[in-house]
């Protein structure tokens, strides 16, 4: 028989896994966009504690370089 506590527990674990994946995906693509190795930055953010590692990345990440806008003449 299905117990409500088991369903709630598995739902919380599933929600955590989804949020973890979203946060680490953001860190990866943000690092790649800023010219750094996304895999290394994501790994460091994960092992530093996902929330703490992400906050450290946001505080210390390099600035975006302005992209030139092509103008047709």
PDB file of N, CA and C in Angstrom:
ATOM      1  N   UNK A   1       0.836  -1.180   0.000  1.00  0.00           N
ATOM      2  CA  UNK A   1       0.000   0.000   0.000  1.00  0.00           C
ATOM      3  C   UNK A   1       0.885   1.249   0.000  1.00  0.00           C
ATOM      4  N   UNK A   2       0.469   2.268  -0.732  1.00  0.00           N
ATOM      5  CA  UNK A   2       1.246   3.502  -0.856  1.00  0.00           C
ATOM      6  C   UNK A   2       0.995   4.372   0.368  1.00  0.00           C
ATOM      7  N   UNK A   3       2.092   4.770   0.996  1.00  0.00           N
ATOM      8  CA  UNK A   3       2.017   5.612   2.181  1.00  0.00           C
ATOM      9  C   UNK A   3       2.284   7.057   1.764  1.00  0.00           C
ATOM     10  N   UNK A   4       1.536   8.013   2.312  1.00  0.00           N
ATOM     11  CA  UNK A   4       1.658   9.418   1.931  1.00  0.00           C
ATOM     12  C   UNK A   4       3.044   9.973   2.285  1.00  0.00           C
ATOM     13  N   UNK A   5       3.652   9.493   3.369  1.00  0.00           N
ATOM     14  CA  UNK A   5       4.979   9.996   3.744  1.00  0.00           C
ATOM     15  C   UNK A   5       6.032   9.592   2.721  1.00  0.00           C
ATOM     16  N   UNK A   6       5.908   8.388   2.172  1.00  0.00           N
ATOM     17  CA  UNK A   6       6.841   7.961   1.132  1.00  0.00           C
ATOM     18  C   UNK A   6       6.679   8.797  -0.131  1.00  0.00           C
ATOM     19  N   UNK A   7       5.445   9.087  -0.485  1.00  0.00           N
ATOM     20  CA  UNK A   7       5.185   9.903  -1.668  1.00  0.00           C
ATOM     21  C   UNK A   7       5.750  11.304  -1.468  1.00  0.00           C
ATOM     22  N   UNK A   8       5.542  11.897  -0.308  1.00  0.00           N
ATOM     23  CA  UNK A   8       6.069  13.230  -0.032  1.00  0.00           C
ATOM     24  C   UNK A   8       7.592  13.231  -0.027  1.00  0.00           C
ATOM     25  N   UNK A   9       8.186  12.224   0.578  1.00  0.00           N
ATOM     26  CA  UNK A   9       9.641  12.134   0.624  1.00  0.00           C
ATOM     27  C   UNK A   9      10.227  12.037  -0.783  1.00  0.00           C
ATOM     28  N   UNK A  10       9.671  11.161  -1.609  1.00  0.00           N
ATOM     29  CA  UNK A  10      10.163  11.008  -2.971  1.00  0.00           C
ATOM     30  C   UNK A  10       9.903  12.259  -3.808  1.00  0.00           C
ATOM     31  N   UNK A  11       8.812  12.957  -3.538  1.00  0.00           N
ATOM     32  CA  UNK A  11       8.529  14.207  -4.245  1.00  0.00           C
ATOM     33  C   UNK A  11       9.559  15.280  -3.897  1.00  0.00           C
ATOM     34  N   UNK A  12       9.920  15.364  -2.628  1.00  0.00           N
ATOM     35  CA  UNK A  12      10.928  16.344  -2.207  1.00  0.00           C
ATOM     36  C   UNK A  12      12.286  16.001  -2.826  1.00  0.00           C
ATOM     37  N   UNK A  13      12.649  14.738  -2.839  1.00  0.00           N
ATOM     38  CA  UNK A  13      13.913  14.318  -3.449  1.00  0.00           C
ATOM     39  C   UNK A  13      13.903  14.629  -4.947  1.00  0.00           C
ATOM     40  N   UNK A  14      12.797  14.371  -5.613  1.00  0.00           N
ATOM     41  CA  UNK A  14      12.686  14.671  -7.043  1.00  0.00           C
ATOM     42  C   UNK A  14      12.776  16.159  -7.318  1.00  0.00           C
ATOM     43  N   UNK A  15      12.108  16.973  -6.510  1.00  0.00           N
ATOM     44  CA  UNK A  15      12.168  18.420  -6.671  1.00  0.00           C
ATOM     45  C   UNK A  15      13.583  18.937  -6.447  1.00  0.00           C
ATOM     46  N   UNK A  16      14.270  18.399  -5.447  1.00  0.00           N
ATOM     47  CA  UNK A  16      15.657  18.776  -5.185  1.00  0.00           C
ATOM     48  C   UNK A  16      16.543  18.434  -6.381  1.00  0.00           C
ATOM     49  N   UNK A  17      16.357  17.262  -6.956  1.00  0.00           N
ATOM     50  CA  UNK A  17      17.177  16.849  -8.100  1.00  0.00           C
ATOM     51  C   UNK A  17      16.929  17.759  -9.305  1.00  0.00           C
ATOM     52  N   UNK A  18      15.683  18.144  -9.527  1.00  0.00           N
ATOM     53  CA  UNK A  18      15.362  19.039 -10.636  1.00  0.00           C
ATOM     54  C   UNK A  18      15.991  20.410 -10.416  1.00  0.00           C
ATOM     55  N   UNK A  19      15.863  20.962  -9.213  1.00  0.00           N
ATOM     56  CA  UNK A  19      16.460  22.269  -8.922  1.00  0.00           C
ATOM     57  C   UNK A  19      17.977  22.222  -9.004  1.00  0.00           C
ATOM     58  N   UNK A  20      18.577  21.152  -8.529  1.00  0.00           N
ATOM     59  CA  UNK A  20      20.024  20.980  -8.617  1.00  0.00           C
ATOM     60  C   UNK A  20      20.470  20.992 -10.074  1.00  0.00           C
ATOM     61  N   UNK A  21      19.758  20.270 -10.909  1.00  0.00           N
ATOM     62  CA  UNK A  21      20.091  20.246 -12.331  1.00  0.00           C
ATOM     63  C   UNK A  21      19.941  21.610 -12.988  1.00  0.00           C
ATOM     64  N   UNK A  22      18.904  22.344 -12.620  1.00  0.00           N
ATOM     65  CA  UNK A  22      18.694  23.670 -13.200  1.00  0.00           C
ATOM     66  C   UNK A  22      19.792  24.646 -12.781  1.00  0.00           C
ATOM     67  N   UNK A  23      20.168  24.621 -11.504  1.00  0.00           N
ATOM     68  CA  UNK A  23      21.208  25.522 -11.003  1.00  0.00           C
ATOM     69  C   UNK A  23      22.540  25.211 -11.665  1.00  0.00           C
ATOM     70  N   UNK A  24      22.905  23.941 -11.734  1.00  0.00           N
ATOM     71  CA  UNK A  24      24.187  23.572 -12.321  1.00  0.00           C
ATOM     72  C   UNK A  24      24.206  23.812 -13.829  1.00  0.00           C
ATOM     73  N   UNK A  25      23.077  23.674 -14.492  1.00  0.00           N
ATOM     74  CA  UNK A  25      22.999  23.995 -15.915  1.00  0.00           C
ATOM     75  C   UNK A  25      23.222  25.483 -16.135  1.00  0.00           C
ATOM     76  N   UNK A  26      22.621  26.311 -15.280  1.00  0.00           N
ATOM     77  CA  UNK A  26      22.832  27.754 -15.372  1.00  0.00           C
ATOM     78  C   UNK A  26      24.307  28.101 -15.180  1.00  0.00           C
ATOM     79  N   UNK A  27      24.948  27.516 -14.182  1.00  0.00           N
ATOM     80  CA  UNK A  27      26.362  27.795 -13.916  1.00  0.00           C
ATOM     81  C   UNK A  27      27.212  27.375 -15.116  1.00  0.00           C
ATOM     82  N   UNK A  28      26.921  26.225 -15.691  1.00  0.00           N
ATOM     83  CA  UNK A  28      27.690  25.737 -16.843  1.00  0.00           C
ATOM     84  C   UNK A  28      27.600  26.704 -18.021  1.00  0.00           C
ATOM     85  N   UNK A  29      26.377  27.058 -18.425  1.00  0.00           N
ATOM     86  CA  UNK A  29      26.219  27.922 -19.588  1.00  0.00           C
ATOM     87  C   UNK A  29      26.714  29.345 -19.317  1.00  0.00           C
ATOM     88  N   UNK A  30      26.591  29.825 -18.097  1.00  0.00           N
ATOM     89  CA  UNK A  30      27.103  31.142 -17.755  1.00  0.00           C
ATOM     90  C   UNK A  30      28.625  31.161 -17.841  1.00  0.00           C
ATOM     91  N   UNK A  31      29.273  30.112 -17.353  1.00  0.00           N
ATOM     92  CA  UNK A  31      30.737  30.031 -17.432  1.00  0.00           C
ATOM     93  C   UNK A  31      31.194  29.941 -18.886  1.00  0.00           C
ATOM     94  N   UNK A  32      30.521  29.136 -19.690  1.00  0.00           N
ATOM     95  CA  UNK A  32      30.887  29.017 -21.098  1.00  0.00           C
ATOM     96  C   UNK A  32      30.710  30.350 -21.823  1.00  0.00           C
ATOM     97  N   UNK A  33      29.645  31.077 -21.510  1.00  0.00           N
ATOM     98  CA  UNK A  33      29.384  32.353 -22.152  1.00  0.00           C
ATOM     99  C   UNK A  33      30.459  33.385 -21.786  1.00  0.00           C
ATOM    100  N   UNK A  34      31.038  33.246 -20.601  1.00  0.00           N
ATOM    101  CA  UNK A  34      32.068  34.181 -20.146  1.00  0.00           C
ATOM    102  C   UNK A  34      33.479  33.719 -20.490  1.00  0.00           C
ATOM    103  N   UNK A  35      33.604  32.668 -21.291  1.00  0.00           N
ATOM    104  CA  UNK A  35      34.899  32.240 -21.785  1.00  0.00           C
ATOM    105  C   UNK A  35      35.673  31.323 -20.851  1.00  0.00           C
ATOM    106  N   UNK A  36      35.012  30.708 -19.882  1.00  0.00           N
ATOM    107  CA  UNK A  36      35.688  29.792 -18.968  1.00  0.00           C
ATOM    108  C   UNK A  36      35.210  28.374 -19.249  1.00  0.00           C
ATOM    109  N   UNK A  37      35.941  27.397 -18.744  1.00  0.00           N
ATOM    110  CA  UNK A  37      35.578  25.994 -18.914  1.00  0.00           C
ATOM    111  C   UNK A  37      34.364  25.699 -18.022  1.00  0.00           C
ATOM    112  N   UNK A  38      33.218  25.457 -18.645  1.00  0.00           N
ATOM    113  CA  UNK A  38      31.981  25.249 -17.903  1.00  0.00           C
ATOM    114  C   UNK A  38      31.994  24.014 -17.037  1.00  0.00           C
ATOM    115  N   UNK A  39      32.639  22.948 -17.514  1.00  0.00           N
ATOM    116  CA  UNK A  39      32.676  21.710 -16.752  1.00  0.00           C
ATOM    117  C   UNK A  39      33.446  21.895 -15.446  1.00  0.00           C
ATOM    118  N   UNK A  40      34.573  22.586 -15.512  1.00  0.00           N
ATOM    119  CA  UNK A  40      35.385  22.805 -14.308  1.00  0.00           C
ATOM    120  C   UNK A  40      34.637  23.688 -13.305  1.00  0.00           C
ATOM    121  N   UNK A  41      34.038  24.759 -13.786  1.00  0.00           N
ATOM    122  CA  UNK A  41      33.320  25.674 -12.895  1.00  0.00           C
ATOM    123  C   UNK A  41      32.116  24.967 -12.271  1.00  0.00           C
ATOM    124  N   UNK A  42      31.385  24.186 -13.063  1.00  0.00           N
ATOM    125  CA  UNK A  42      30.223  23.458 -12.544  1.00  0.00           C
ATOM    126  C   UNK A  42      30.642  22.425 -11.512  1.00  0.00           C
ATOM    127  N   UNK A  43      31.738  21.725 -11.763  1.00  0.00           N
ATOM    128  CA  UNK A  43      32.236  20.737 -10.806  1.00  0.00           C
ATOM    129  C   UNK A  43      32.635  21.406  -9.495  1.00  0.00           C
ATOM    130  N   UNK A  44      33.329  22.532  -9.586  1.00  0.00           N
ATOM    131  CA  UNK A  44      33.704  23.255  -8.368  1.00  0.00           C
ATOM    132  C   UNK A  44      32.480  23.761  -7.615  1.00  0.00           C
ATOM    133  N   UNK A  45      31.487  24.259  -8.346  1.00  0.00           N
ATOM    134  CA  UNK A  45      30.264  24.745  -7.698  1.00  0.00           C
ATOM    135  C   UNK A  45      29.527  23.587  -7.012  1.00  0.00           C
ATOM    136  N   UNK A  46      29.521  22.423  -7.643  1.00  0.00           N
ATOM    137  CA  UNK A  46      28.834  21.270  -7.058  1.00  0.00           C
ATOM    138  C   UNK A  46      29.518  20.815  -5.775  1.00  0.00           C
ATOM    139  N   UNK A  47      30.848  20.691  -5.809  1.00  0.00           N
ATOM    140  CA  UNK A  47      31.556  20.175  -4.643  1.00  0.00           C
ATOM    141  C   UNK A  47      31.739  21.219  -3.545  1.00  0.00           C
ATOM    142  N   UNK A  48      31.545  22.493  -3.859  1.00  0.00           N
ATOM    143  CA  UNK A  48      31.608  23.531  -2.835  1.00  0.00           C
ATOM    144  C   UNK A  48      30.269  23.660  -2.115  1.00  0.00           C
ATOM    145  N   UNK A  49      29.319  22.864  -2.480  1.00  0.00           N
ATOM    146  CA  UNK A  49      27.961  23.010  -1.974  1.00  0.00           C
ATOM    147  C   UNK A  49      27.227  23.809  -3.025  1.00  0.00           C
ATOM    148  N   UNK A  50      26.199  23.273  -3.576  1.00  0.00           N
ATOM    149  CA  UNK A  50      25.597  23.850  -4.769  1.00  0.00           C
ATOM    150  C   UNK A  50      25.205  25.311  -4.578  1.00  0.00           C
ATOM    151  N   UNK A  51      24.518  25.626  -3.508  1.00  0.00           N
ATOM    152  CA  UNK A  51      24.079  27.011  -3.305  1.00  0.00           C
ATOM    153  C   UNK A  51      25.272  27.906  -3.012  1.00  0.00           C
ATOM    154  N   UNK A  52      26.148  27.484  -2.122  1.00  0.00           N
ATOM    155  CA  UNK A  52      27.324  28.278  -1.791  1.00  0.00           C
ATOM    156  C   UNK A  52      28.248  28.409  -3.002  1.00  0.00           C
ATOM    157  N   UNK A  53      28.471  27.334  -3.710  1.00  0.00           N
ATOM    158  CA  UNK A  53      29.312  27.367  -4.900  1.00  0.00           C
ATOM    159  C   UNK A  53      28.754  28.277  -5.975  1.00  0.00           C
ATOM    160  N   UNK A  54      27.435  28.273  -6.145  1.00  0.00           N
ATOM    161  CA  UNK A  54      26.802  29.152  -7.125  1.00  0.00           C
ATOM    162  C   UNK A  54      26.939  30.609  -6.709  1.00  0.00           C
ATOM    163  N   UNK A  55      26.755  30.889  -5.438  1.00  0.00           N
ATOM    164  CA  UNK A  55      26.908  32.265  -4.960  1.00  0.00           C
ATOM    165  C   UNK A  55      28.343  32.750  -5.116  1.00  0.00           C
ATOM    166  N   UNK A  56      29.307  31.868  -4.862  1.00  0.00           N
ATOM    167  CA  UNK A  56      30.715  32.232  -5.063  1.00  0.00           C
ATOM    168  C   UNK A  56      30.970  32.508  -6.544  1.00  0.00           C
ATOM    169  N   UNK A  57      30.416  31.671  -7.423  1.00  0.00           N
ATOM    170  CA  UNK A  57      30.588  31.881  -8.859  1.00  0.00           C
ATOM    171  C   UNK A  57      29.989  33.220  -9.284  1.00  0.00           C
ATOM    172  N   UNK A  58      28.799  33.534  -8.806  1.00  0.00           N
ATOM    173  CA  UNK A  58      28.158  34.796  -9.180  1.00  0.00           C
ATOM    174  C   UNK A  58      28.977  35.983  -8.679  1.00  0.00           C
ATOM    175  N   UNK A  59      29.571  35.868  -7.499  1.00  0.00           N
ATOM    176  CA  UNK A  59      30.352  36.973  -6.948  1.00  0.00           C
ATOM    177  C   UNK A  59      31.695  37.147  -7.658  1.00  0.00           C
ATOM    178  N   UNK A  60      32.318  36.063  -8.099  1.00  0.00           N
ATOM    179  CA  UNK A  60      33.677  36.132  -8.635  1.00  0.00           C
ATOM    180  C   UNK A  60      33.774  35.952 -10.145  1.00  0.00           C
ATOM    181  N   UNK A  61      32.659  35.775 -10.827  1.00  0.00           N
ATOM    182  CA  UNK A  61      32.725  35.511 -12.265  1.00  0.00           C
ATOM    183  C   UNK A  61      33.252  36.727 -13.026  1.00  0.00           C
ATOM    184  N   UNK A  62      33.925  36.476 -14.158  1.00  0.00           N
ATOM    185  CA  UNK A  62      34.450  37.600 -14.944  1.00  0.00           C
ATOM    186  C   UNK A  62      33.328  38.348 -15.646  1.00  0.00           C
ATOM    187  N   UNK A  63      33.615  39.564 -15.989  1.00  0.00           N
ATOM    188  CA  UNK A  63      32.629  40.386 -16.697  1.00  0.00           C
ATOM    189  C   UNK A  63      32.445  39.872 -18.121  1.00  0.00           C
ATOM    190  N   UNK A  64      31.247  40.095 -18.648  1.00  0.00           N
ATOM    191  CA  UNK A  64      30.995  39.761 -20.044  1.00  0.00           C
ATOM    192  C   UNK A  64      31.692  40.779 -20.933  1.00  0.00           C
ATOM    193  N   UNK A  65      32.300  40.298 -21.991  1.00  0.00           N
ATOM    194  CA  UNK A  65      32.919  41.192 -22.952  1.00  0.00           C
ATOM    195  C   UNK A  65      31.833  41.671 -23.911  1.00  0.00           C
ATOM    196  N   UNK A  66      31.793  42.958 -24.183  1.00  0.00           N
ATOM    197  CA  UNK A  66      30.759  43.430 -25.111  1.00  0.00           C
ATOM    198  C   UNK A  66      30.953  42.840 -26.503  1.00  0.00           C
ATOM    199  N   UNK A  67      29.893  42.399 -27.088  1.00  0.00           N
ATOM    200  CA  UNK A  67      29.929  41.824 -28.416  1.00  0.00           C
ATOM    201  C   UNK A  67      29.640  42.920 -29.447  1.00  0.00           C
ATOM    202  N   UNK A  68      30.462  43.031 -30.480  1.00  0.00           N
ATOM    203  CA  UNK A  68      30.177  44.051 -31.492  1.00  0.00           C
ATOM    204  C   UNK A  68      28.910  43.714 -32.261  1.00  0.00           C
ATOM    205  N   UNK A  69      28.181  44.750 -32.582  1.00  0.00           N
ATOM    206  CA  UNK A  69      26.951  44.572 -33.354  1.00  0.00           C
ATOM    207  C   UNK A  69      27.271  44.833 -34.821  1.00  0.00           C
ATOM    208  N   UNK A  70      27.074  43.836 -35.666  1.00  0.00           N
ATOM    209  CA  UNK A  70      27.385  44.068 -37.083  1.00  0.00           C
ATOM    210  C   UNK A  70      26.410  45.066 -37.701  1.00  0.00           C
ATOM    211  N   UNK A  71      26.965  46.001 -38.454  1.00  0.00           N
ATOM    212  CA  UNK A  71      26.154  47.034 -39.111  1.00  0.00           C
ATOM    213  C   UNK A  71      26.379  46.901 -40.606  1.00  0.00           C
ATOM    214  N   UNK A  72      25.282  46.769 -41.319  1.00  0.00           N
ATOM    215  CA  UNK A  72      25.385  46.699 -42.781  1.00  0.00           C
ATOM    216  C   UNK A  72      25.330  48.108 -43.333  1.00  0.00           C
ATOM    217  N   UNK A  73      26.169  48.355 -44.305  1.00  0.00           N
ATOM    218  CA  UNK A  73      26.171  49.702 -44.888  1.00  0.00           C
ATOM    219  C   UNK A  73      25.523  49.737 -46.257  1.00  0.00           C
TER     220      UNK A  73
END
